[in-house]
Amino acid sequence: MGALTQRGVPAEATAENGVVAQERAFAAGRRTAWDRIQGMINTTRRPSDAELDRMVRSIVIEQETTGPQRYSGRLTIQFDAEAVQSFVEGSEIRAATLQSGTAPEAPISITPAAPIMVTLDAVARYGSLNEWLEIRRRLAIAGARLDVVGITTDRARVQLGLRVPVGMATETFAQNGLRLARGTGAPNDQWRLGLAGRS
């Protein structure tokens, strides 16, 4: 089944550091996206944070502004349709149980969705084919998904799928010999990717 998608979802939060602020902003964004679709899926039960987390298939950053203690952005949030359906069916069972006063025969379970994935548009720069292959190899070790949008002899436009917040991803990449840094902010220069130590 496809995913229910909400675009332009606002996400803002402050915290003791930027990474925690982003995590809190994403949590608030997930809740806002759920509030938007709740009327369409015919349920009045509000999911817990853990249930909501399992129903989100992916988070794509449309735009963002980060600071030492603040995160503000707009997100596209996809819900996994099968996980949402499972939650709705569980809601119906629970409502019927409360009305009848009897317990269900088996515990209600929610189908786990795919892991949440943050998508970044980046430009990967390299000086040779071997460097490009090394970037790909290290991305795989770091657990990032790589989709190539366009490629030339010295750079590639890519989409990176991250299973951790951006702040944590930069650290993970650095541990694997990669450098992920902000670009100029232009549409085709949001993030820059390359081998660590290479200018």
N, C-alpha and C. Protein backbone atom coordinates (compact mmCIF):
# COMPACT_ATOMS: atom_id res chain seq x y z
N MET A 1 0.84 -1.19 0.00
CA MET A 1 0.00 0.00 0.00
C MET A 1 0.88 1.24 0.00
N GLY A 2 0.36 2.35 -0.54
CA GLY A 2 1.13 3.59 -0.56
C GLY A 2 1.15 4.26 0.78
N ALA A 3 1.79 5.39 0.83
CA ALA A 3 1.91 6.15 2.07
C ALA A 3 1.07 7.41 1.99
N LEU A 4 0.47 7.82 3.11
CA LEU A 4 -0.22 9.09 3.21
C LEU A 4 0.84 10.17 3.40
N THR A 5 0.77 11.22 2.62
CA THR A 5 1.83 12.23 2.61
C THR A 5 1.29 13.60 2.97
N GLN A 6 1.99 14.29 3.87
CA GLN A 6 1.68 15.66 4.22
C GLN A 6 2.91 16.51 3.94
N ARG A 7 2.73 17.58 3.17
CA ARG A 7 3.83 18.46 2.81
C ARG A 7 3.72 19.80 3.53
N GLY A 8 4.83 20.49 3.64
CA GLY A 8 4.84 21.81 4.27
C GLY A 8 4.50 21.77 5.75
N VAL A 9 4.88 20.70 6.42
CA VAL A 9 4.57 20.57 7.85
C VAL A 9 5.57 21.39 8.65
N PRO A 10 5.12 22.35 9.47
CA PRO A 10 6.06 23.14 10.26
C PRO A 10 6.67 22.32 11.39
N ALA A 11 7.94 22.57 11.68
CA ALA A 11 8.64 21.85 12.74
C ALA A 11 9.59 22.82 13.43
N GLU A 12 9.31 23.15 14.68
CA GLU A 12 10.15 24.08 15.42
C GLU A 12 10.33 23.59 16.84
N ALA A 13 11.53 23.83 17.39
CA ALA A 13 11.79 23.47 18.79
C ALA A 13 13.09 24.11 19.22
N THR A 14 13.22 24.29 20.54
CA THR A 14 14.47 24.72 21.14
C THR A 14 14.87 23.67 22.17
N ALA A 15 16.17 23.57 22.40
CA ALA A 15 16.68 22.58 23.35
C ALA A 15 18.09 22.98 23.75
N GLU A 16 18.73 22.12 24.54
CA GLU A 16 20.08 22.43 25.02
C GLU A 16 21.12 22.42 23.90
N ASN A 17 20.83 21.73 22.78
CA ASN A 17 21.72 21.78 21.62
C ASN A 17 20.90 21.55 20.36
N GLY A 18 21.54 21.78 19.22
CA GLY A 18 20.83 21.72 17.95
C GLY A 18 20.32 20.35 17.58
N VAL A 19 21.06 19.29 17.95
CA VAL A 19 20.63 17.94 17.62
C VAL A 19 19.34 17.59 18.35
N VAL A 20 19.28 17.87 19.65
CA VAL A 20 18.08 17.59 20.43
C VAL A 20 16.92 18.46 19.94
N ALA A 21 17.22 19.71 19.59
CA ALA A 21 16.17 20.60 19.07
C ALA A 21 15.56 20.02 17.79
N GLN A 22 16.42 19.46 16.90
CA GLN A 22 15.90 18.87 15.67
C GLN A 22 15.03 17.66 15.97
N GLU A 23 15.45 16.82 16.90
CA GLU A 23 14.66 15.64 17.25
C GLU A 23 13.30 16.04 17.79
N ARG A 24 13.27 17.07 18.65
CA ARG A 24 11.99 17.54 19.21
C ARG A 24 11.13 18.17 18.13
N ALA A 25 11.76 18.90 17.22
CA ALA A 25 11.00 19.51 16.12
C ALA A 25 10.38 18.45 15.23
N PHE A 26 11.14 17.38 14.94
CA PHE A 26 10.61 16.29 14.13
C PHE A 26 9.44 15.62 14.84
N ALA A 27 9.54 15.44 16.16
CA ALA A 27 8.44 14.83 16.92
C ALA A 27 7.20 15.71 16.84
N ALA A 28 7.38 17.03 16.96
CA ALA A 28 6.25 17.95 16.85
C ALA A 28 5.67 17.93 15.44
N GLY A 29 6.54 17.82 14.43
CA GLY A 29 6.08 17.75 13.05
C GLY A 29 5.26 16.50 12.79
N ARG A 30 5.70 15.36 13.34
CA ARG A 30 4.94 14.12 13.17
C ARG A 30 3.54 14.27 13.76
N ARG A 31 3.46 14.91 14.93
CA ARG A 31 2.16 15.09 15.58
C ARG A 31 1.27 16.02 14.76
N THR A 32 1.83 17.09 14.21
CA THR A 32 1.06 18.01 13.38
C THR A 32 0.55 17.30 12.12
N ALA A 33 1.41 16.50 11.50
CA ALA A 33 1.00 15.76 10.30
C ALA A 33 -0.12 14.79 10.62
N TRP A 34 -0.03 14.12 11.76
CA TRP A 34 -1.09 13.19 12.16
C TRP A 34 -2.41 13.93 12.36
N ASP A 35 -2.36 15.10 13.01
CA ASP A 35 -3.58 15.88 13.23
C ASP A 35 -4.25 16.22 11.91
N ARG A 36 -3.43 16.44 10.87
CA ARG A 36 -3.99 16.78 9.56
C ARG A 36 -4.73 15.60 8.93
N ILE A 37 -4.21 14.39 9.10
CA ILE A 37 -4.81 13.25 8.40
C ILE A 37 -5.83 12.50 9.27
N GLN A 38 -5.93 12.83 10.56
CA GLN A 38 -6.76 12.04 11.45
C GLN A 38 -8.22 11.98 10.99
N GLY A 39 -8.73 13.11 10.52
CA GLY A 39 -10.12 13.12 10.06
C GLY A 39 -10.35 12.27 8.82
N MET A 40 -9.29 12.08 8.01
CA MET A 40 -9.43 11.32 6.76
C MET A 40 -9.42 9.82 6.99
N ILE A 41 -8.88 9.38 8.14
CA ILE A 41 -8.72 7.95 8.34
C ILE A 41 -9.73 7.39 9.33
N ASN A 42 -10.70 8.23 9.71
CA ASN A 42 -11.86 7.74 10.48
C ASN A 42 -11.47 7.12 11.82
N THR A 43 -10.69 7.87 12.60
CA THR A 43 -10.41 7.44 13.97
C THR A 43 -10.27 8.67 14.84
N THR A 44 -10.72 8.56 16.08
CA THR A 44 -10.59 9.67 17.03
C THR A 44 -9.50 9.38 18.06
N ARG A 45 -8.96 8.18 18.05
CA ARG A 45 -7.93 7.81 19.02
C ARG A 45 -6.59 8.43 18.61
N ARG A 46 -5.94 9.09 19.57
CA ARG A 46 -4.63 9.68 19.31
C ARG A 46 -3.55 8.68 19.67
N PRO A 47 -2.61 8.46 18.76
CA PRO A 47 -1.55 7.49 19.04
C PRO A 47 -0.54 8.04 20.05
N SER A 48 0.11 7.14 20.75
CA SER A 48 1.22 7.54 21.60
C SER A 48 2.38 7.95 20.71
N ASP A 49 3.40 8.56 21.31
CA ASP A 49 4.57 8.95 20.52
C ASP A 49 5.22 7.73 19.86
N ALA A 50 5.29 6.62 20.60
CA ALA A 50 5.91 5.41 20.04
C ALA A 50 5.08 4.86 18.88
N GLU A 51 3.75 4.86 19.02
CA GLU A 51 2.88 4.37 17.94
C GLU A 51 3.01 5.28 16.71
N LEU A 52 3.04 6.57 16.96
CA LEU A 52 3.16 7.53 15.86
C LEU A 52 4.50 7.35 15.14
N ASP A 53 5.55 7.13 15.91
CA ASP A 53 6.88 6.92 15.34
C ASP A 53 6.89 5.72 14.41
N ARG A 54 6.19 4.65 14.79
CA ARG A 54 6.16 3.44 13.96
C ARG A 54 5.34 3.63 12.68
N MET A 55 4.41 4.57 12.70
CA MET A 55 3.58 4.78 11.52
C MET A 55 4.21 5.69 10.48
N VAL A 56 5.26 6.43 10.86
CA VAL A 56 5.92 7.34 9.92
C VAL A 56 6.91 6.55 9.08
N ARG A 57 6.76 6.68 7.78
CA ARG A 57 7.64 5.95 6.85
C ARG A 57 8.90 6.74 6.52
N SER A 58 8.76 8.05 6.31
CA SER A 58 9.94 8.86 6.01
C SER A 58 9.66 10.32 6.30
N ILE A 59 10.74 11.06 6.54
CA ILE A 59 10.68 12.50 6.74
C ILE A 59 11.67 13.14 5.76
N VAL A 60 11.19 14.05 4.93
CA VAL A 60 12.04 14.76 3.99
C VAL A 60 12.07 16.23 4.40
N ILE A 61 13.27 16.79 4.52
CA ILE A 61 13.43 18.19 4.90
C ILE A 61 13.23 19.06 3.66
N GLU A 62 12.20 19.91 3.68
CA GLU A 62 11.97 20.84 2.57
C GLU A 62 12.86 22.08 2.73
N GLN A 63 12.90 22.61 3.93
CA GLN A 63 13.77 23.74 4.24
C GLN A 63 14.02 23.72 5.73
N GLU A 64 15.14 24.31 6.16
CA GLU A 64 15.45 24.30 7.58
C GLU A 64 16.37 25.45 7.93
N THR A 65 16.26 25.86 9.20
CA THR A 65 17.17 26.85 9.78
C THR A 65 17.61 26.28 11.12
N THR A 66 18.90 26.15 11.31
CA THR A 66 19.40 25.56 12.55
C THR A 66 20.24 26.57 13.31
N GLY A 67 20.31 26.37 14.61
CA GLY A 67 21.13 27.19 15.47
C GLY A 67 21.68 26.34 16.60
N PRO A 68 22.51 26.92 17.46
CA PRO A 68 23.10 26.14 18.55
C PRO A 68 22.06 25.49 19.46
N GLN A 69 20.89 26.14 19.60
CA GLN A 69 19.86 25.62 20.51
C GLN A 69 18.46 25.66 19.88
N ARG A 70 18.40 25.81 18.57
CA ARG A 70 17.08 25.94 17.93
C ARG A 70 17.06 25.26 16.58
N TYR A 71 15.88 24.73 16.23
CA TYR A 71 15.67 24.15 14.90
C TYR A 71 14.32 24.63 14.40
N SER A 72 14.28 25.06 13.16
CA SER A 72 13.03 25.48 12.52
C SER A 72 13.06 25.00 11.08
N GLY A 73 11.97 24.40 10.63
CA GLY A 73 11.95 23.91 9.27
C GLY A 73 10.56 23.55 8.80
N ARG A 74 10.50 23.10 7.56
CA ARG A 74 9.27 22.55 6.99
C ARG A 74 9.59 21.18 6.42
N LEU A 75 8.69 20.23 6.65
CA LEU A 75 8.95 18.84 6.33
C LEU A 75 7.87 18.25 5.44
N THR A 76 8.25 17.24 4.68
CA THR A 76 7.28 16.35 4.04
C THR A 76 7.30 15.05 4.81
N ILE A 77 6.16 14.65 5.34
CA ILE A 77 6.09 13.46 6.19
C ILE A 77 5.18 12.43 5.53
N GLN A 78 5.72 11.23 5.33
CA GLN A 78 4.96 10.12 4.74
C GLN A 78 4.59 9.13 5.84
N PHE A 79 3.32 8.76 5.87
CA PHE A 79 2.86 7.70 6.76
C PHE A 79 2.74 6.40 5.99
N ASP A 80 3.14 5.32 6.62
CA ASP A 80 3.01 4.00 6.01
C ASP A 80 1.55 3.57 6.10
N ALA A 81 0.92 3.35 4.94
CA ALA A 81 -0.52 3.07 4.90
C ALA A 81 -0.88 1.79 5.65
N GLU A 82 -0.04 0.76 5.54
CA GLU A 82 -0.35 -0.50 6.24
C GLU A 82 -0.29 -0.31 7.75
N ALA A 83 0.70 0.44 8.22
CA ALA A 83 0.81 0.68 9.66
C ALA A 83 -0.35 1.53 10.16
N VAL A 84 -0.77 2.52 9.36
CA VAL A 84 -1.91 3.35 9.75
C VAL A 84 -3.18 2.51 9.80
N GLN A 85 -3.38 1.66 8.78
CA GLN A 85 -4.55 0.79 8.76
C GLN A 85 -4.57 -0.13 9.97
N SER A 86 -3.42 -0.64 10.32
CA SER A 86 -3.32 -1.52 11.48
C SER A 86 -3.69 -0.77 12.75
N PHE A 87 -3.26 0.49 12.85
CA PHE A 87 -3.60 1.31 14.02
C PHE A 87 -5.10 1.57 14.08
N VAL A 88 -5.70 1.89 12.91
CA VAL A 88 -7.14 2.16 12.87
C VAL A 88 -7.93 0.92 13.27
N GLU A 89 -7.54 -0.24 12.74
CA GLU A 89 -8.23 -1.48 13.10
C GLU A 89 -8.08 -1.76 14.58
N GLY A 90 -6.91 -1.49 15.14
CA GLY A 90 -6.72 -1.65 16.57
C GLY A 90 -7.60 -0.72 17.37
N SER A 91 -7.81 0.51 16.85
CA SER A 91 -8.68 1.46 17.51
C SER A 91 -10.11 0.95 17.55
N GLU A 92 -10.55 0.37 16.43
CA GLU A 92 -11.92 -0.15 16.36
C GLU A 92 -12.11 -1.30 17.33
N ILE A 93 -11.11 -2.18 17.41
CA ILE A 93 -11.20 -3.30 18.35
C ILE A 93 -11.26 -2.79 19.78
N ARG A 94 -10.42 -1.80 20.09
CA ARG A 94 -10.38 -1.26 21.45
C ARG A 94 -11.70 -0.61 21.80
N ALA A 95 -12.29 0.16 20.85
CA ALA A 95 -13.56 0.82 21.12
C ALA A 95 -14.66 -0.21 21.37
N ALA A 96 -14.70 -1.27 20.57
CA ALA A 96 -15.71 -2.31 20.76
C ALA A 96 -15.52 -3.01 22.10
N THR A 97 -14.29 -3.20 22.51
CA THR A 97 -13.99 -3.85 23.78
C THR A 97 -14.49 -3.01 24.94
N LEU A 98 -14.25 -1.70 24.87
CA LEU A 98 -14.69 -0.82 25.94
C LEU A 98 -16.21 -0.81 26.06
N GLN A 99 -16.90 -0.90 24.92
CA GLN A 99 -18.35 -0.88 24.94
C GLN A 99 -18.93 -2.18 25.49
N SER A 100 -18.30 -3.30 25.14
CA SER A 100 -18.84 -4.59 25.56
C SER A 100 -18.36 -5.00 26.94
N GLY A 101 -17.23 -4.42 27.37
CA GLY A 101 -16.70 -4.77 28.68
C GLY A 101 -15.92 -6.07 28.68
N THR A 102 -15.62 -6.62 27.52
CA THR A 102 -14.85 -7.86 27.46
C THR A 102 -13.50 -7.59 26.83
N ALA A 103 -12.53 -8.38 27.15
CA ALA A 103 -11.18 -8.20 26.63
C ALA A 103 -11.05 -8.91 25.30
N PRO A 104 -10.24 -8.40 24.40
CA PRO A 104 -10.00 -9.11 23.14
C PRO A 104 -9.26 -10.40 23.40
N GLU A 105 -9.43 -11.36 22.51
CA GLU A 105 -8.81 -12.66 22.70
C GLU A 105 -7.29 -12.59 22.60
N ALA A 106 -6.77 -11.68 21.81
CA ALA A 106 -5.32 -11.59 21.63
C ALA A 106 -4.90 -10.13 21.71
N PRO A 107 -3.66 -9.86 22.10
CA PRO A 107 -3.19 -8.48 22.15
C PRO A 107 -3.23 -7.84 20.77
N ILE A 108 -3.50 -6.55 20.75
CA ILE A 108 -3.52 -5.80 19.50
C ILE A 108 -2.10 -5.41 19.15
N SER A 109 -1.68 -5.67 17.94
CA SER A 109 -0.34 -5.31 17.53
C SER A 109 -0.40 -4.39 16.33
N ILE A 110 0.58 -3.54 16.21
CA ILE A 110 0.66 -2.60 15.10
C ILE A 110 1.79 -3.03 14.20
N THR A 111 1.53 -3.09 12.92
CA THR A 111 2.55 -3.50 11.97
C THR A 111 3.67 -2.47 11.94
N PRO A 112 4.91 -2.86 12.22
CA PRO A 112 6.00 -1.88 12.19
C PRO A 112 6.19 -1.31 10.79
N ALA A 113 6.42 -0.02 10.73
CA ALA A 113 6.71 0.62 9.45
C ALA A 113 8.21 0.56 9.20
N ALA A 114 8.58 0.98 8.00
CA ALA A 114 10.01 1.06 7.71
C ALA A 114 10.64 2.12 8.59
N PRO A 115 11.95 2.02 8.85
CA PRO A 115 12.60 3.01 9.70
C PRO A 115 12.44 4.41 9.13
N ILE A 116 12.32 5.40 10.04
CA ILE A 116 12.23 6.78 9.60
C ILE A 116 13.49 7.15 8.85
N MET A 117 13.34 7.85 7.75
CA MET A 117 14.50 8.22 6.96
C MET A 117 14.42 9.70 6.60
N VAL A 118 15.47 10.44 6.93
CA VAL A 118 15.59 11.84 6.54
C VAL A 118 16.33 11.90 5.21
N THR A 119 15.81 12.65 4.24
CA THR A 119 16.42 12.75 2.93
C THR A 119 17.07 14.11 2.73
N LEU A 120 18.33 14.11 2.32
CA LEU A 120 19.06 15.35 2.04
C LEU A 120 19.51 15.37 0.59
N ASP A 121 19.39 16.53 -0.07
CA ASP A 121 19.98 16.72 -1.39
C ASP A 121 21.39 17.24 -1.20
N ALA A 122 22.35 16.62 -1.85
CA ALA A 122 23.76 17.00 -1.67
C ALA A 122 24.50 16.92 -2.99
N VAL A 123 25.65 17.59 -3.03
CA VAL A 123 26.57 17.49 -4.16
C VAL A 123 27.83 16.80 -3.66
N ALA A 124 28.13 15.65 -4.24
CA ALA A 124 29.34 14.91 -3.89
C ALA A 124 30.45 15.33 -4.85
N ARG A 125 31.61 15.69 -4.30
CA ARG A 125 32.74 16.12 -5.13
C ARG A 125 33.88 15.13 -4.98
N TYR A 126 34.57 14.88 -6.11
CA TYR A 126 35.65 13.89 -6.11
C TYR A 126 36.60 14.22 -7.25
N GLY A 127 37.81 13.69 -7.16
CA GLY A 127 38.81 13.99 -8.17
C GLY A 127 39.07 12.87 -9.16
N SER A 128 38.47 11.72 -8.88
CA SER A 128 38.70 10.58 -9.77
C SER A 128 37.60 9.56 -9.56
N LEU A 129 37.54 8.59 -10.45
CA LEU A 129 36.57 7.52 -10.32
C LEU A 129 36.79 6.75 -9.03
N ASN A 130 38.05 6.54 -8.67
CA ASN A 130 38.35 5.80 -7.44
C ASN A 130 37.83 6.53 -6.21
N GLU A 131 37.93 7.87 -6.21
CA GLU A 131 37.41 8.64 -5.08
C GLU A 131 35.89 8.51 -5.00
N TRP A 132 35.21 8.56 -6.14
CA TRP A 132 33.75 8.40 -6.17
C TRP A 132 33.35 7.03 -5.64
N LEU A 133 34.05 5.99 -6.06
CA LEU A 133 33.75 4.65 -5.58
C LEU A 133 34.01 4.54 -4.08
N GLU A 134 35.04 5.25 -3.62
CA GLU A 134 35.35 5.22 -2.18
C GLU A 134 34.27 5.93 -1.38
N ILE A 135 33.75 7.03 -1.91
CA ILE A 135 32.63 7.72 -1.25
C ILE A 135 31.43 6.79 -1.12
N ARG A 136 31.11 6.11 -2.19
CA ARG A 136 29.97 5.17 -2.18
C ARG A 136 30.20 4.06 -1.15
N ARG A 137 31.42 3.54 -1.12
CA ARG A 137 31.73 2.45 -0.19
C ARG A 137 31.57 2.92 1.26
N ARG A 138 32.09 4.11 1.56
CA ARG A 138 32.02 4.60 2.93
C ARG A 138 30.59 4.98 3.34
N LEU A 139 29.79 5.46 2.39
CA LEU A 139 28.38 5.74 2.68
C LEU A 139 27.66 4.46 3.08
N ALA A 140 27.95 3.38 2.36
CA ALA A 140 27.32 2.10 2.68
C ALA A 140 27.71 1.64 4.08
N ILE A 141 28.97 1.82 4.43
CA ILE A 141 29.42 1.44 5.78
C ILE A 141 28.73 2.30 6.84
N ALA A 142 28.51 3.58 6.51
CA ALA A 142 27.86 4.50 7.46
C ALA A 142 26.36 4.26 7.56
N GLY A 143 25.80 3.38 6.72
CA GLY A 143 24.38 3.05 6.79
C GLY A 143 23.48 4.04 6.09
N ALA A 144 24.03 4.83 5.16
CA ALA A 144 23.23 5.81 4.43
C ALA A 144 22.79 5.25 3.09
N ARG A 145 21.59 5.61 2.67
CA ARG A 145 21.11 5.25 1.35
C ARG A 145 21.58 6.30 0.36
N LEU A 146 21.96 5.89 -0.83
CA LEU A 146 22.45 6.81 -1.85
C LEU A 146 21.65 6.65 -3.13
N ASP A 147 21.05 7.76 -3.59
CA ASP A 147 20.38 7.80 -4.89
C ASP A 147 21.07 8.87 -5.73
N VAL A 148 21.59 8.50 -6.89
CA VAL A 148 22.29 9.43 -7.77
C VAL A 148 21.27 10.12 -8.68
N VAL A 149 21.23 11.47 -8.62
CA VAL A 149 20.31 12.25 -9.45
C VAL A 149 20.98 12.64 -10.76
N GLY A 150 22.26 13.01 -10.70
CA GLY A 150 23.02 13.36 -11.89
C GLY A 150 24.50 13.24 -11.58
N ILE A 151 25.32 12.98 -12.60
CA ILE A 151 26.74 12.74 -12.34
C ILE A 151 27.59 13.23 -13.50
N THR A 152 28.76 13.83 -13.16
CA THR A 152 29.74 14.25 -14.14
C THR A 152 31.10 13.67 -13.73
N THR A 153 32.16 14.14 -14.39
CA THR A 153 33.48 13.56 -14.11
C THR A 153 34.02 13.96 -12.74
N ASP A 154 33.52 15.07 -12.15
CA ASP A 154 34.08 15.52 -10.87
C ASP A 154 33.07 15.73 -9.76
N ARG A 155 31.79 15.54 -10.05
CA ARG A 155 30.78 15.72 -9.01
C ARG A 155 29.51 14.96 -9.37
N ALA A 156 28.69 14.73 -8.33
CA ALA A 156 27.42 14.05 -8.54
C ALA A 156 26.37 14.70 -7.65
N ARG A 157 25.20 14.90 -8.21
CA ARG A 157 24.05 15.34 -7.39
C ARG A 157 23.38 14.09 -6.86
N VAL A 158 23.24 14.03 -5.54
CA VAL A 158 22.74 12.81 -4.90
C VAL A 158 21.67 13.15 -3.88
N GLN A 159 20.88 12.15 -3.55
CA GLN A 159 19.97 12.20 -2.41
C GLN A 159 20.47 11.19 -1.39
N LEU A 160 20.68 11.66 -0.17
CA LEU A 160 21.14 10.81 0.91
C LEU A 160 19.97 10.48 1.82
N GLY A 161 19.78 9.21 2.10
CA GLY A 161 18.76 8.78 3.05
C GLY A 161 19.44 8.46 4.38
N LEU A 162 19.07 9.22 5.42
CA LEU A 162 19.70 9.08 6.73
C LEU A 162 18.70 8.52 7.73
N ARG A 163 19.16 7.59 8.56
CA ARG A 163 18.29 7.01 9.58
C ARG A 163 18.53 7.64 10.95
N VAL A 164 19.31 8.71 10.97
CA VAL A 164 19.58 9.44 12.21
C VAL A 164 19.45 10.92 11.90
N PRO A 165 19.28 11.79 12.92
CA PRO A 165 19.25 13.23 12.67
C PRO A 165 20.52 13.71 11.98
N VAL A 166 20.40 14.83 11.27
CA VAL A 166 21.52 15.33 10.47
C VAL A 166 22.75 15.55 11.33
N GLY A 167 22.58 16.13 12.53
CA GLY A 167 23.72 16.40 13.40
C GLY A 167 24.48 15.14 13.75
N MET A 168 23.77 14.05 13.98
CA MET A 168 24.42 12.78 14.27
C MET A 168 25.04 12.19 13.02
N ALA A 169 24.40 12.41 11.87
CA ALA A 169 24.92 11.85 10.62
C ALA A 169 26.29 12.43 10.28
N THR A 170 26.47 13.74 10.51
CA THR A 170 27.77 14.33 10.20
C THR A 170 28.87 13.68 11.03
N GLU A 171 28.56 13.36 12.29
CA GLU A 171 29.54 12.69 13.14
C GLU A 171 29.81 11.28 12.65
N THR A 172 28.74 10.55 12.28
CA THR A 172 28.91 9.19 11.77
C THR A 172 29.72 9.17 10.49
N PHE A 173 29.43 10.13 9.61
CA PHE A 173 30.19 10.22 8.36
C PHE A 173 31.67 10.49 8.65
N ALA A 174 31.93 11.41 9.59
CA ALA A 174 33.32 11.75 9.92
C ALA A 174 34.07 10.53 10.44
N GLN A 175 33.38 9.71 11.21
CA GLN A 175 34.01 8.49 11.73
C GLN A 175 34.36 7.51 10.61
N ASN A 176 33.67 7.66 9.47
CA ASN A 176 33.94 6.79 8.32
C ASN A 176 34.71 7.50 7.21
N GLY A 177 35.36 8.62 7.57
CA GLY A 177 36.22 9.31 6.60
C GLY A 177 35.49 10.13 5.57
N LEU A 178 34.26 10.58 5.89
CA LEU A 178 33.48 11.41 4.98
C LEU A 178 33.21 12.77 5.62
N ARG A 179 33.06 13.76 4.77
CA ARG A 179 32.73 15.10 5.26
C ARG A 179 31.39 15.52 4.67
N LEU A 180 30.42 15.82 5.54
CA LEU A 180 29.11 16.33 5.12
C LEU A 180 28.98 17.72 5.71
N ALA A 181 28.88 18.73 4.85
CA ALA A 181 28.83 20.11 5.31
C ALA A 181 27.77 20.88 4.53
N ARG A 182 27.30 21.96 5.12
CA ARG A 182 26.31 22.80 4.45
C ARG A 182 26.93 23.52 3.26
N GLY A 183 26.13 23.66 2.20
CA GLY A 183 26.56 24.42 1.05
C GLY A 183 26.15 25.87 1.18
N THR A 184 25.91 26.53 0.06
CA THR A 184 25.55 27.94 0.08
C THR A 184 24.08 28.17 0.40
N GLY A 185 23.27 27.10 0.34
CA GLY A 185 21.83 27.24 0.55
C GLY A 185 21.06 27.40 -0.73
N ALA A 186 21.76 27.50 -1.86
CA ALA A 186 21.09 27.57 -3.17
C ALA A 186 20.37 26.24 -3.44
N PRO A 187 19.37 26.24 -4.32
CA PRO A 187 18.60 25.02 -4.56
C PRO A 187 19.45 23.79 -4.87
N ASN A 188 20.55 23.96 -5.62
CA ASN A 188 21.40 22.82 -5.97
C ASN A 188 22.68 22.76 -5.14
N ASP A 189 22.68 23.48 -4.01
CA ASP A 189 23.88 23.48 -3.16
C ASP A 189 23.47 23.55 -1.69
N GLN A 190 22.58 22.64 -1.29
CA GLN A 190 22.15 22.60 0.10
C GLN A 190 23.23 21.98 1.00
N TRP A 191 23.76 20.84 0.55
CA TRP A 191 24.77 20.11 1.31
C TRP A 191 25.89 19.66 0.38
N ARG A 192 27.10 19.54 0.94
CA ARG A 192 28.25 19.08 0.17
C ARG A 192 28.83 17.85 0.84
N LEU A 193 29.23 16.91 0.01
CA LEU A 193 29.73 15.62 0.50
C LEU A 193 31.05 15.31 -0.17
N GLY A 194 31.98 14.77 0.59
CA GLY A 194 33.25 14.37 0.01
C GLY A 194 34.07 13.58 1.00
N LEU A 195 35.23 13.15 0.58
CA LEU A 195 36.14 12.44 1.46
C LEU A 195 36.72 13.42 2.46
N ALA A 196 36.83 13.01 3.72
CA ALA A 196 37.41 13.87 4.75
C ALA A 196 38.84 14.22 4.40
N GLY A 197 39.23 15.49 4.66
CA GLY A 197 40.58 15.91 4.40
C GLY A 197 40.84 16.41 3.00
N ARG A 198 39.80 16.28 2.14
CA ARG A 198 39.97 16.75 0.76
C ARG A 198 39.28 18.10 0.61
N SER A 199 39.93 19.09 0.11
CA SER A 199 39.36 20.44 -0.03
C SER A 199 38.34 20.47 -1.16
